[in-house]
Amino acid sequence: MLRVLMFLVPLALSVYAFIDCISTKDDDIRHMPKPLWAILVLLFPLVGSISWLIAGKKRQPAGGSAWSRGGGRQQWVAPDDNPDFLKSLDEDTKREKDRDPDEDPRTD
């Protein structure tokens, strides 16, 4: 079992790093051109993959709106962590308080 893991873990890491490398925008790659990174990952699976994950790609912190753009990908931010969503809840609450109590809310 250990022999299989010693083969599968580096293989999985190499496949992940190669796919991540070829799917990353050219603007988000650091230090070397994309084809050179891909060749490095393919020729030196363990060292190339780890190098790509550490130094090859620009990393951007998540945050901002519900869909933040980081590295050419969209990343979901939960509503309770999204300041825009929380602000809209406050605005809805204020609107409800300002609404005339005799007015039927279903007629809007």
C-alpha atoms as a PDB file:
ATOM      1  CA  MET A   1       0.000   0.000   0.000  1.00  0.00           C
ATOM      2  CA  LEU A   2       2.796   2.399   0.859  1.00  0.00           C
ATOM      3  CA  ARG A   3       4.482   1.696  -2.470  1.00  0.00           C
ATOM      4  CA  VAL A   4       1.317   2.653  -4.310  1.00  0.00           C
ATOM      5  CA  LEU A   5       0.989   5.903  -2.350  1.00  0.00           C
ATOM      6  CA  MET A   6       4.612   6.758  -3.058  1.00  0.00           C
ATOM      7  CA  PHE A   7       3.731   6.601  -6.751  1.00  0.00           C
ATOM      8  CA  LEU A   8       0.210   8.075  -6.715  1.00  0.00           C
ATOM      9  CA  VAL A   9       0.830  11.159  -4.552  1.00  0.00           C
ATOM     10  CA  PRO A  10       3.567  12.658  -6.769  1.00  0.00           C
ATOM     11  CA  LEU A  11       1.559  11.700  -9.862  1.00  0.00           C
ATOM     12  CA  ALA A  12      -1.559  13.435  -8.550  1.00  0.00           C
ATOM     13  CA  LEU A  13       0.503  16.489  -7.574  1.00  0.00           C
ATOM     14  CA  SER A  14       2.057  16.635 -11.041  1.00  0.00           C
ATOM     15  CA  VAL A  15      -1.285  16.305 -12.810  1.00  0.00           C
ATOM     16  CA  TYR A  16      -2.807  19.026 -10.623  1.00  0.00           C
ATOM     17  CA  ALA A  17       0.147  21.385 -11.124  1.00  0.00           C
ATOM     18  CA  PHE A  18       0.213  20.812 -14.895  1.00  0.00           C
ATOM     19  CA  ILE A  19      -3.520  21.459 -15.294  1.00  0.00           C
ATOM     20  CA  ASP A  20      -3.290  24.507 -13.032  1.00  0.00           C
ATOM     21  CA  CYS A  21      -0.337  25.781 -15.052  1.00  0.00           C
ATOM     22  CA  ILE A  22      -1.960  25.443 -18.467  1.00  0.00           C
ATOM     23  CA  SER A  23      -5.285  26.894 -17.268  1.00  0.00           C
ATOM     24  CA  THR A  24      -3.728  29.986 -15.649  1.00  0.00           C
ATOM     25  CA  LYS A  25      -3.795  33.266 -17.589  1.00  0.00           C
ATOM     26  CA  ASP A  26      -0.448  34.450 -18.939  1.00  0.00           C
ATOM     27  CA  ASP A  27      -0.754  37.671 -16.903  1.00  0.00           C
ATOM     28  CA  ASP A  28      -0.877  35.721 -13.633  1.00  0.00           C
ATOM     29  CA  ILE A  29       2.314  33.692 -14.191  1.00  0.00           C
ATOM     30  CA  ARG A  30       5.548  34.803 -12.555  1.00  0.00           C
ATOM     31  CA  HIS A  31       9.264  34.348 -13.249  1.00  0.00           C
ATOM     32  CA  MET A  32       9.082  32.256 -16.472  1.00  0.00           C
ATOM     33  CA  PRO A  33       6.805  31.864 -19.514  1.00  0.00           C
ATOM     34  CA  LYS A  34       3.931  29.391 -19.287  1.00  0.00           C
ATOM     35  CA  PRO A  35       5.411  26.799 -21.718  1.00  0.00           C
ATOM     36  CA  LEU A  36       8.622  26.693 -19.689  1.00  0.00           C
ATOM     37  CA  TRP A  37       6.655  26.106 -16.471  1.00  0.00           C
ATOM     38  CA  ALA A  38       4.673  23.318 -18.155  1.00  0.00           C
ATOM     39  CA  ILE A  39       7.864  21.629 -19.380  1.00  0.00           C
ATOM     40  CA  LEU A  40       9.412  21.964 -15.909  1.00  0.00           C
ATOM     41  CA  VAL A  41       6.372  20.303 -14.315  1.00  0.00           C
ATOM     42  CA  LEU A  42       6.420  17.487 -16.876  1.00  0.00           C
ATOM     43  CA  LEU A  43      10.172  16.790 -16.828  1.00  0.00           C
ATOM     44  CA  PHE A  44      10.675  17.105 -13.061  1.00  0.00           C
ATOM     45  CA  PRO A  45       7.338  16.045 -11.600  1.00  0.00           C
ATOM     46  CA  LEU A  46       7.987  16.526  -7.896  1.00  0.00           C
ATOM     47  CA  VAL A  47      10.349  19.513  -7.964  1.00  0.00           C
ATOM     48  CA  GLY A  48       8.563  21.194 -10.875  1.00  0.00           C
ATOM     49  CA  SER A  49       5.126  20.812  -9.297  1.00  0.00           C
ATOM     50  CA  ILE A  50       6.218  22.164  -5.945  1.00  0.00           C
ATOM     51  CA  SER A  51       8.058  25.036  -7.660  1.00  0.00           C
ATOM     52  CA  TRP A  52       4.945  25.900  -9.667  1.00  0.00           C
ATOM     53  CA  LEU A  53       2.732  25.876  -6.591  1.00  0.00           C
ATOM     54  CA  ILE A  54       5.130  28.049  -4.584  1.00  0.00           C
ATOM     55  CA  ALA A  55       6.579  30.484  -7.109  1.00  0.00           C
ATOM     56  CA  GLY A  56       4.891  30.146 -10.472  1.00  0.00           C
ATOM     57  CA  LYS A  57       1.517  31.759  -9.973  1.00  0.00           C
ATOM     58  CA  LYS A  58       0.442  35.102  -8.524  1.00  0.00           C
ATOM     59  CA  ARG A  59      -1.645  34.511  -5.429  1.00  0.00           C
ATOM     60  CA  GLN A  60      -4.330  37.065  -4.566  1.00  0.00           C
ATOM     61  CA  PRO A  61      -6.268  37.212  -1.304  1.00  0.00           C
ATOM     62  CA  ALA A  62     -10.002  36.553  -1.470  1.00  0.00           C
ATOM     63  CA  GLY A  63     -12.453  39.242  -0.477  1.00  0.00           C
ATOM     64  CA  GLY A  64     -14.548  42.036  -1.893  1.00  0.00           C
ATOM     65  CA  SER A  65     -17.909  41.227  -3.400  1.00  0.00           C
ATOM     66  CA  ALA A  66     -19.795  37.938  -3.444  1.00  0.00           C
ATOM     67  CA  TRP A  67     -17.839  36.867  -6.515  1.00  0.00           C
ATOM     68  CA  SER A  68     -14.272  38.034  -6.215  1.00  0.00           C
ATOM     69  CA  ARG A  69     -11.908  37.681  -9.131  1.00  0.00           C
ATOM     70  CA  GLY A  70      -8.604  36.206  -8.172  1.00  0.00           C
ATOM     71  CA  GLY A  71      -6.156  34.823 -10.682  1.00  0.00           C
ATOM     72  CA  GLY A  72      -8.722  34.772 -13.471  1.00  0.00           C
ATOM     73  CA  ARG A  73     -11.094  32.632 -11.474  1.00  0.00           C
ATOM     74  CA  GLN A  74     -14.235  33.529  -9.578  1.00  0.00           C
ATOM     75  CA  GLN A  75     -14.315  32.667  -5.933  1.00  0.00           C
ATOM     76  CA  TRP A  76     -17.488  32.562  -3.839  1.00  0.00           C
ATOM     77  CA  VAL A  77     -17.626  34.571  -0.612  1.00  0.00           C
ATOM     78  CA  ALA A  78     -20.317  33.539   1.878  1.00  0.00           C
ATOM     79  CA  PRO A  79     -23.145  36.081   2.371  1.00  0.00           C
ATOM     80  CA  ASP A  80     -22.383  36.579   6.057  1.00  0.00           C
ATOM     81  CA  ASP A  81     -18.789  37.531   5.118  1.00  0.00           C
ATOM     82  CA  ASN A  82     -19.843  39.833   2.278  1.00  0.00           C
ATOM     83  CA  PRO A  83     -20.044  43.519   3.337  1.00  0.00           C
ATOM     84  CA  ASP A  84     -22.205  44.414   0.301  1.00  0.00           C
ATOM     85  CA  PHE A  85     -24.790  41.808   1.247  1.00  0.00           C
ATOM     86  CA  LEU A  86     -24.858  42.928   4.888  1.00  0.00           C
ATOM     87  CA  LYS A  87     -25.285  46.539   3.789  1.00  0.00           C
ATOM     88  CA  SER A  88     -28.232  45.567   1.581  1.00  0.00           C
ATOM     89  CA  LEU A  89     -29.870  43.833   4.567  1.00  0.00           C
ATOM     90  CA  ASP A  90     -29.560  47.036   6.593  1.00  0.00           C
ATOM     91  CA  GLU A  91     -31.115  49.021   3.730  1.00  0.00           C
ATOM     92  CA  ASP A  92     -34.005  46.537   3.474  1.00  0.00           C
ATOM     93  CA  THR A  93     -34.630  46.801   7.204  1.00  0.00           C
ATOM     94  CA  LYS A  94     -34.695  50.610   7.034  1.00  0.00           C
ATOM     95  CA  ARG A  95     -37.080  50.483   4.070  1.00  0.00           C
ATOM     96  CA  GLU A  96     -39.421  48.180   5.999  1.00  0.00           C
ATOM     97  CA  LYS A  97     -39.419  50.537   9.001  1.00  0.00           C
ATOM     98  CA  ASP A  98     -40.125  53.551   6.791  1.00  0.00           C
ATOM     99  CA  ARG A  99     -43.018  51.827   5.010  1.00  0.00           C
ATOM    100  CA  ASP A 100     -46.526  52.951   5.985  1.00  0.00           C
ATOM    101  CA  PRO A 101     -48.057  50.308   8.330  1.00  0.00           C
ATOM    102  CA  ASP A 102     -51.534  50.698   6.736  1.00  0.00           C
ATOM    103  CA  GLU A 103     -50.159  49.916   3.276  1.00  0.00           C
ATOM    104  CA  ASP A 104     -50.588  46.358   2.080  1.00  0.00           C
ATOM    105  CA  PRO A 105     -47.079  44.981   1.233  1.00  0.00           C
ATOM    106  CA  ARG A 106     -48.545  42.617  -1.393  1.00  0.00           C
ATOM    107  CA  THR A 107     -49.600  45.481  -3.661  1.00  0.00           C
ATOM    108  CA  ASP A 108     -46.060  46.611  -4.442  1.00  0.00           C
END
